[in-house]
Amino acid sequence: MIQDEIKVSTQTLQWKCIESKIESKRLLYSRFAISPFRKGQANTVGIAMRRALLNEIEGASITYAKIKKVKHEYSTIIGLQESIHDILINLKEIVLKSESFEPQKAYISVLGLKK
């Protein structure tokens, strides 16, 4: 039976801080370099690190939107210039402030034509 040889790296991962700044009490910035990775491994590690770091950020944002009579984000509504996709992208730009750590519900009601 013939087996393919698989090279296994014996190098250990090394990391170093390239840059670090404290701009204010709540605004911290750092940039790190980690290497060497095997092919495809950097994306896996990067995505996991991004998710872990994003979970630590506190704040409020719109995470769900429902529009009556709209089945999916690429639908259109007669009389509306923007697509539903554009509206959803614009909703993400809204800056919210909340004193609660629990999910909240809000409603927007729009009637009539734009003047």
N, C-alpha and C. Protein backbone atom coordinates (compact mmCIF):
# COMPACT_ATOMS: atom_id res chain seq x y z
N MET A 1 0.84 -1.17 0.00
CA MET A 1 0.00 0.00 0.00
C MET A 1 0.89 1.24 0.00
N ILE A 2 0.59 2.17 -0.88
CA ILE A 2 1.37 3.40 -1.00
C ILE A 2 0.70 4.50 -0.18
N GLN A 3 1.48 5.18 0.62
CA GLN A 3 0.95 6.28 1.42
C GLN A 3 1.61 7.58 1.00
N ASP A 4 0.81 8.65 0.96
CA ASP A 4 1.38 9.96 0.66
C ASP A 4 2.09 10.48 1.90
N GLU A 5 3.20 11.12 1.66
CA GLU A 5 3.90 11.73 2.77
C GLU A 5 3.28 13.09 3.08
N ILE A 6 3.08 13.33 4.34
CA ILE A 6 2.52 14.61 4.79
C ILE A 6 3.56 15.29 5.64
N LYS A 7 3.97 16.48 5.23
CA LYS A 7 4.95 17.22 6.01
C LYS A 7 4.25 17.83 7.22
N VAL A 8 4.79 17.61 8.37
CA VAL A 8 4.26 18.18 9.59
C VAL A 8 5.29 19.19 10.10
N SER A 9 4.81 20.40 10.30
CA SER A 9 5.71 21.46 10.76
C SER A 9 6.08 21.23 12.22
N THR A 10 7.35 21.33 12.51
CA THR A 10 7.80 21.20 13.88
C THR A 10 8.08 22.57 14.50
N GLN A 11 7.80 23.63 13.72
CA GLN A 11 8.00 24.98 14.22
C GLN A 11 6.88 25.35 15.18
N THR A 12 7.22 26.06 16.23
CA THR A 12 6.20 26.51 17.17
C THR A 12 5.71 27.89 16.74
N LEU A 13 4.43 28.13 17.05
CA LEU A 13 3.87 29.44 16.72
C LEU A 13 4.54 30.52 17.55
N GLN A 14 4.88 31.59 16.91
CA GLN A 14 5.48 32.72 17.60
C GLN A 14 4.59 33.94 17.39
N TRP A 15 4.45 34.76 18.41
CA TRP A 15 3.66 35.97 18.26
C TRP A 15 4.41 37.13 18.87
N LYS A 16 4.14 38.32 18.33
CA LYS A 16 4.74 39.52 18.88
C LYS A 16 3.80 40.70 18.68
N CYS A 17 3.87 41.64 19.58
CA CYS A 17 3.07 42.85 19.49
C CYS A 17 3.81 43.83 18.60
N ILE A 18 3.19 44.23 17.52
CA ILE A 18 3.81 45.15 16.58
C ILE A 18 3.55 46.60 17.00
N GLU A 19 2.35 46.85 17.49
CA GLU A 19 1.97 48.22 17.84
C GLU A 19 0.92 48.17 18.93
N SER A 20 0.99 49.12 19.87
CA SER A 20 0.00 49.19 20.94
C SER A 20 -0.19 50.65 21.35
N LYS A 21 -1.47 51.09 21.40
CA LYS A 21 -1.77 52.48 21.77
C LYS A 21 -2.92 52.51 22.76
N ILE A 22 -2.86 53.44 23.70
CA ILE A 22 -3.98 53.74 24.57
C ILE A 22 -4.40 55.16 24.24
N GLU A 23 -5.51 55.29 23.50
CA GLU A 23 -5.94 56.62 23.06
C GLU A 23 -6.83 57.29 24.11
N SER A 24 -7.54 56.51 24.88
CA SER A 24 -8.34 57.04 25.99
C SER A 24 -8.61 55.88 26.94
N LYS A 25 -9.39 56.14 28.00
CA LYS A 25 -9.65 55.11 29.00
C LYS A 25 -10.34 53.89 28.40
N ARG A 26 -11.20 54.11 27.39
CA ARG A 26 -11.95 53.01 26.80
C ARG A 26 -11.51 52.65 25.39
N LEU A 27 -10.58 53.40 24.82
CA LEU A 27 -10.16 53.14 23.45
C LEU A 27 -8.72 52.64 23.43
N LEU A 28 -8.60 51.32 23.23
CA LEU A 28 -7.30 50.66 23.20
C LEU A 28 -7.08 50.07 21.81
N TYR A 29 -5.83 50.09 21.35
CA TYR A 29 -5.53 49.56 20.02
C TYR A 29 -4.23 48.78 20.09
N SER A 30 -4.22 47.60 19.52
CA SER A 30 -3.00 46.80 19.43
C SER A 30 -3.00 46.01 18.13
N ARG A 31 -1.82 45.75 17.61
CA ARG A 31 -1.66 44.96 16.40
C ARG A 31 -0.61 43.90 16.66
N PHE A 32 -0.95 42.65 16.34
CA PHE A 32 -0.07 41.52 16.63
C PHE A 32 0.27 40.77 15.35
N ALA A 33 1.38 40.06 15.38
CA ALA A 33 1.76 39.17 14.28
C ALA A 33 1.97 37.78 14.87
N ILE A 34 1.35 36.79 14.25
CA ILE A 34 1.49 35.40 14.69
C ILE A 34 1.91 34.57 13.46
N SER A 35 2.92 33.73 13.63
CA SER A 35 3.36 32.90 12.51
C SER A 35 4.19 31.74 13.06
N PRO A 36 4.47 30.72 12.30
CA PRO A 36 3.99 30.39 10.96
C PRO A 36 2.70 29.56 11.04
N PHE A 37 1.87 29.69 10.03
CA PHE A 37 0.65 28.89 9.93
C PHE A 37 0.75 28.00 8.70
N ARG A 38 0.06 26.87 8.76
CA ARG A 38 -0.07 26.03 7.57
C ARG A 38 -1.15 26.63 6.68
N LYS A 39 -1.23 26.17 5.46
CA LYS A 39 -2.21 26.68 4.49
C LYS A 39 -3.63 26.54 5.05
N GLY A 40 -4.37 27.66 5.07
CA GLY A 40 -5.75 27.66 5.53
C GLY A 40 -5.91 27.84 7.03
N GLN A 41 -4.86 27.63 7.77
CA GLN A 41 -4.94 27.71 9.23
C GLN A 41 -5.09 29.15 9.72
N ALA A 42 -4.50 30.11 9.03
CA ALA A 42 -4.56 31.52 9.45
C ALA A 42 -6.00 32.03 9.44
N ASN A 43 -6.77 31.68 8.42
CA ASN A 43 -8.17 32.11 8.36
C ASN A 43 -8.96 31.54 9.52
N THR A 44 -8.76 30.27 9.81
CA THR A 44 -9.48 29.62 10.91
C THR A 44 -9.19 30.31 12.24
N VAL A 45 -7.93 30.55 12.51
CA VAL A 45 -7.54 31.20 13.77
C VAL A 45 -8.03 32.64 13.79
N GLY A 46 -7.89 33.36 12.67
CA GLY A 46 -8.32 34.75 12.60
C GLY A 46 -9.80 34.92 12.85
N ILE A 47 -10.62 34.08 12.26
CA ILE A 47 -12.07 34.16 12.44
C ILE A 47 -12.44 33.87 13.90
N ALA A 48 -11.82 32.87 14.49
CA ALA A 48 -12.09 32.55 15.90
C ALA A 48 -11.70 33.70 16.82
N MET A 49 -10.55 34.32 16.56
CA MET A 49 -10.11 35.45 17.38
C MET A 49 -11.05 36.64 17.22
N ARG A 50 -11.46 36.92 15.98
CA ARG A 50 -12.39 38.03 15.72
C ARG A 50 -13.69 37.83 16.48
N ARG A 51 -14.25 36.64 16.43
CA ARG A 51 -15.51 36.36 17.14
C ARG A 51 -15.34 36.50 18.65
N ALA A 52 -14.24 35.99 19.17
CA ALA A 52 -14.00 36.09 20.62
C ALA A 52 -13.87 37.55 21.04
N LEU A 53 -13.15 38.35 20.27
CA LEU A 53 -12.99 39.77 20.61
C LEU A 53 -14.30 40.54 20.48
N LEU A 54 -15.08 40.25 19.43
CA LEU A 54 -16.35 40.95 19.25
C LEU A 54 -17.34 40.63 20.36
N ASN A 55 -17.26 39.42 20.92
CA ASN A 55 -18.15 39.06 22.03
C ASN A 55 -17.87 39.88 23.27
N GLU A 56 -16.67 40.43 23.38
CA GLU A 56 -16.30 41.23 24.55
C GLU A 56 -16.76 42.68 24.45
N ILE A 57 -17.15 43.12 23.26
CA ILE A 57 -17.56 44.51 23.07
C ILE A 57 -18.99 44.69 23.56
N GLU A 58 -19.17 45.67 24.44
CA GLU A 58 -20.51 45.97 24.93
C GLU A 58 -21.13 47.07 24.09
N GLY A 59 -22.43 47.03 23.96
CA GLY A 59 -23.11 48.08 23.21
C GLY A 59 -24.47 47.59 22.73
N ALA A 60 -25.17 48.49 22.09
CA ALA A 60 -26.49 48.19 21.56
C ALA A 60 -26.49 48.38 20.05
N SER A 61 -27.16 47.49 19.36
CA SER A 61 -27.28 47.61 17.91
C SER A 61 -28.53 46.88 17.44
N ILE A 62 -28.94 47.20 16.24
CA ILE A 62 -30.10 46.53 15.64
C ILE A 62 -29.63 45.18 15.11
N THR A 63 -30.27 44.11 15.58
CA THR A 63 -29.87 42.77 15.17
C THR A 63 -30.96 42.05 14.38
N TYR A 64 -32.15 42.65 14.31
CA TYR A 64 -33.27 41.99 13.63
C TYR A 64 -34.21 43.06 13.12
N ALA A 65 -34.70 42.88 11.91
CA ALA A 65 -35.68 43.81 11.34
C ALA A 65 -36.71 43.00 10.57
N LYS A 66 -37.96 43.37 10.74
CA LYS A 66 -39.05 42.71 10.02
C LYS A 66 -39.91 43.78 9.38
N ILE A 67 -40.15 43.64 8.08
CA ILE A 67 -40.96 44.59 7.34
C ILE A 67 -42.16 43.84 6.79
N LYS A 68 -43.36 44.35 7.08
CA LYS A 68 -44.58 43.67 6.64
C LYS A 68 -44.61 43.50 5.13
N LYS A 69 -45.07 42.34 4.69
CA LYS A 69 -45.23 41.98 3.29
C LYS A 69 -43.92 41.89 2.52
N VAL A 70 -42.80 41.72 3.23
CA VAL A 70 -41.50 41.55 2.58
C VAL A 70 -40.98 40.17 2.94
N LYS A 71 -40.72 39.36 1.91
CA LYS A 71 -40.31 37.99 2.14
C LYS A 71 -38.80 37.83 2.33
N HIS A 72 -38.01 38.65 1.64
CA HIS A 72 -36.56 38.55 1.77
C HIS A 72 -35.93 39.91 1.50
N GLU A 73 -34.63 40.02 1.80
CA GLU A 73 -33.96 41.31 1.76
C GLU A 73 -33.79 41.87 0.35
N TYR A 74 -33.98 41.08 -0.67
CA TYR A 74 -33.83 41.57 -2.04
C TYR A 74 -35.17 41.92 -2.68
N SER A 75 -36.22 41.98 -1.87
CA SER A 75 -37.53 42.39 -2.36
C SER A 75 -37.54 43.89 -2.61
N THR A 76 -38.56 44.33 -3.31
CA THR A 76 -38.78 45.76 -3.51
C THR A 76 -40.19 46.10 -3.09
N ILE A 77 -40.40 47.35 -2.74
CA ILE A 77 -41.73 47.84 -2.39
C ILE A 77 -42.07 48.94 -3.37
N ILE A 78 -43.24 48.84 -3.99
CA ILE A 78 -43.67 49.84 -4.97
C ILE A 78 -43.76 51.21 -4.30
N GLY A 79 -43.19 52.21 -4.95
CA GLY A 79 -43.20 53.57 -4.42
C GLY A 79 -42.02 53.91 -3.54
N LEU A 80 -41.16 52.92 -3.30
CA LEU A 80 -39.98 53.13 -2.46
C LEU A 80 -38.74 53.15 -3.35
N GLN A 81 -37.92 54.20 -3.22
CA GLN A 81 -36.73 54.31 -4.07
C GLN A 81 -35.66 53.29 -3.69
N GLU A 82 -35.42 53.12 -2.39
CA GLU A 82 -34.39 52.21 -1.94
C GLU A 82 -34.87 50.77 -1.97
N SER A 83 -33.93 49.86 -2.12
CA SER A 83 -34.28 48.44 -2.00
C SER A 83 -34.33 48.09 -0.52
N ILE A 84 -34.91 46.96 -0.19
CA ILE A 84 -34.97 46.51 1.20
C ILE A 84 -33.55 46.30 1.72
N HIS A 85 -32.68 45.81 0.86
CA HIS A 85 -31.29 45.61 1.25
C HIS A 85 -30.65 46.94 1.68
N ASP A 86 -30.89 48.00 0.91
CA ASP A 86 -30.35 49.32 1.27
C ASP A 86 -30.92 49.81 2.60
N ILE A 87 -32.19 49.57 2.83
CA ILE A 87 -32.80 49.98 4.10
C ILE A 87 -32.14 49.25 5.27
N LEU A 88 -31.93 47.95 5.12
CA LEU A 88 -31.29 47.16 6.18
C LEU A 88 -29.86 47.62 6.44
N ILE A 89 -29.14 47.95 5.38
CA ILE A 89 -27.78 48.46 5.55
C ILE A 89 -27.82 49.80 6.30
N ASN A 90 -28.77 50.66 5.97
CA ASN A 90 -28.90 51.94 6.66
C ASN A 90 -29.28 51.77 8.13
N LEU A 91 -30.08 50.75 8.45
CA LEU A 91 -30.44 50.49 9.85
C LEU A 91 -29.20 50.15 10.68
N LYS A 92 -28.22 49.50 10.06
CA LYS A 92 -26.99 49.15 10.77
C LYS A 92 -26.18 50.39 11.17
N GLU A 93 -26.41 51.50 10.46
CA GLU A 93 -25.67 52.72 10.73
C GLU A 93 -26.23 53.51 11.92
N ILE A 94 -27.40 53.14 12.40
CA ILE A 94 -28.02 53.85 13.52
C ILE A 94 -27.24 53.57 14.80
N VAL A 95 -26.89 54.63 15.51
CA VAL A 95 -26.14 54.50 16.76
C VAL A 95 -27.14 54.53 17.91
N LEU A 96 -27.12 53.51 18.75
CA LEU A 96 -28.05 53.39 19.86
C LEU A 96 -27.30 53.45 21.19
N LYS A 97 -28.01 53.90 22.22
CA LYS A 97 -27.46 53.89 23.57
C LYS A 97 -28.48 53.20 24.46
N SER A 98 -28.03 52.25 25.26
CA SER A 98 -28.94 51.51 26.12
C SER A 98 -28.31 51.31 27.49
N GLU A 99 -29.13 51.45 28.51
CA GLU A 99 -28.67 51.19 29.88
C GLU A 99 -28.92 49.74 30.27
N SER A 100 -29.64 49.01 29.43
CA SER A 100 -30.02 47.63 29.72
C SER A 100 -29.06 46.65 29.04
N PHE A 101 -28.87 45.49 29.66
CA PHE A 101 -28.08 44.44 29.06
C PHE A 101 -28.97 43.38 28.41
N GLU A 102 -30.28 43.57 28.51
CA GLU A 102 -31.24 42.63 27.93
C GLU A 102 -31.67 43.10 26.54
N PRO A 103 -32.03 42.17 25.66
CA PRO A 103 -32.56 42.58 24.34
C PRO A 103 -33.83 43.42 24.50
N GLN A 104 -33.96 44.43 23.66
CA GLN A 104 -35.11 45.32 23.69
C GLN A 104 -35.80 45.28 22.33
N LYS A 105 -37.10 45.61 22.31
CA LYS A 105 -37.84 45.69 21.06
C LYS A 105 -38.23 47.13 20.80
N ALA A 106 -38.17 47.53 19.54
CA ALA A 106 -38.59 48.86 19.13
C ALA A 106 -39.37 48.73 17.84
N TYR A 107 -40.25 49.66 17.61
CA TYR A 107 -41.08 49.64 16.41
C TYR A 107 -41.01 50.98 15.71
N ILE A 108 -40.98 50.95 14.39
CA ILE A 108 -41.04 52.17 13.58
C ILE A 108 -42.24 52.01 12.67
N SER A 109 -43.08 53.04 12.64
CA SER A 109 -44.25 53.02 11.79
C SER A 109 -44.16 54.17 10.79
N VAL A 110 -44.21 53.84 9.51
CA VAL A 110 -44.12 54.86 8.46
C VAL A 110 -45.36 54.74 7.59
N LEU A 111 -46.06 55.85 7.43
CA LEU A 111 -47.26 55.89 6.61
C LEU A 111 -47.15 56.99 5.57
N GLY A 112 -47.66 56.75 4.39
CA GLY A 112 -47.71 57.80 3.37
C GLY A 112 -46.45 57.89 2.52
N LEU A 113 -46.53 58.80 1.57
CA LEU A 113 -45.45 59.00 0.61
C LEU A 113 -44.46 60.04 1.12
N LYS A 114 -43.24 59.96 0.61
CA LYS A 114 -42.21 60.95 0.91
C LYS A 114 -42.59 62.26 0.24
N LYS A 115 -42.44 63.35 0.95
CA LYS A 115 -42.77 64.67 0.37
C LYS A 115 -41.53 65.44 0.04
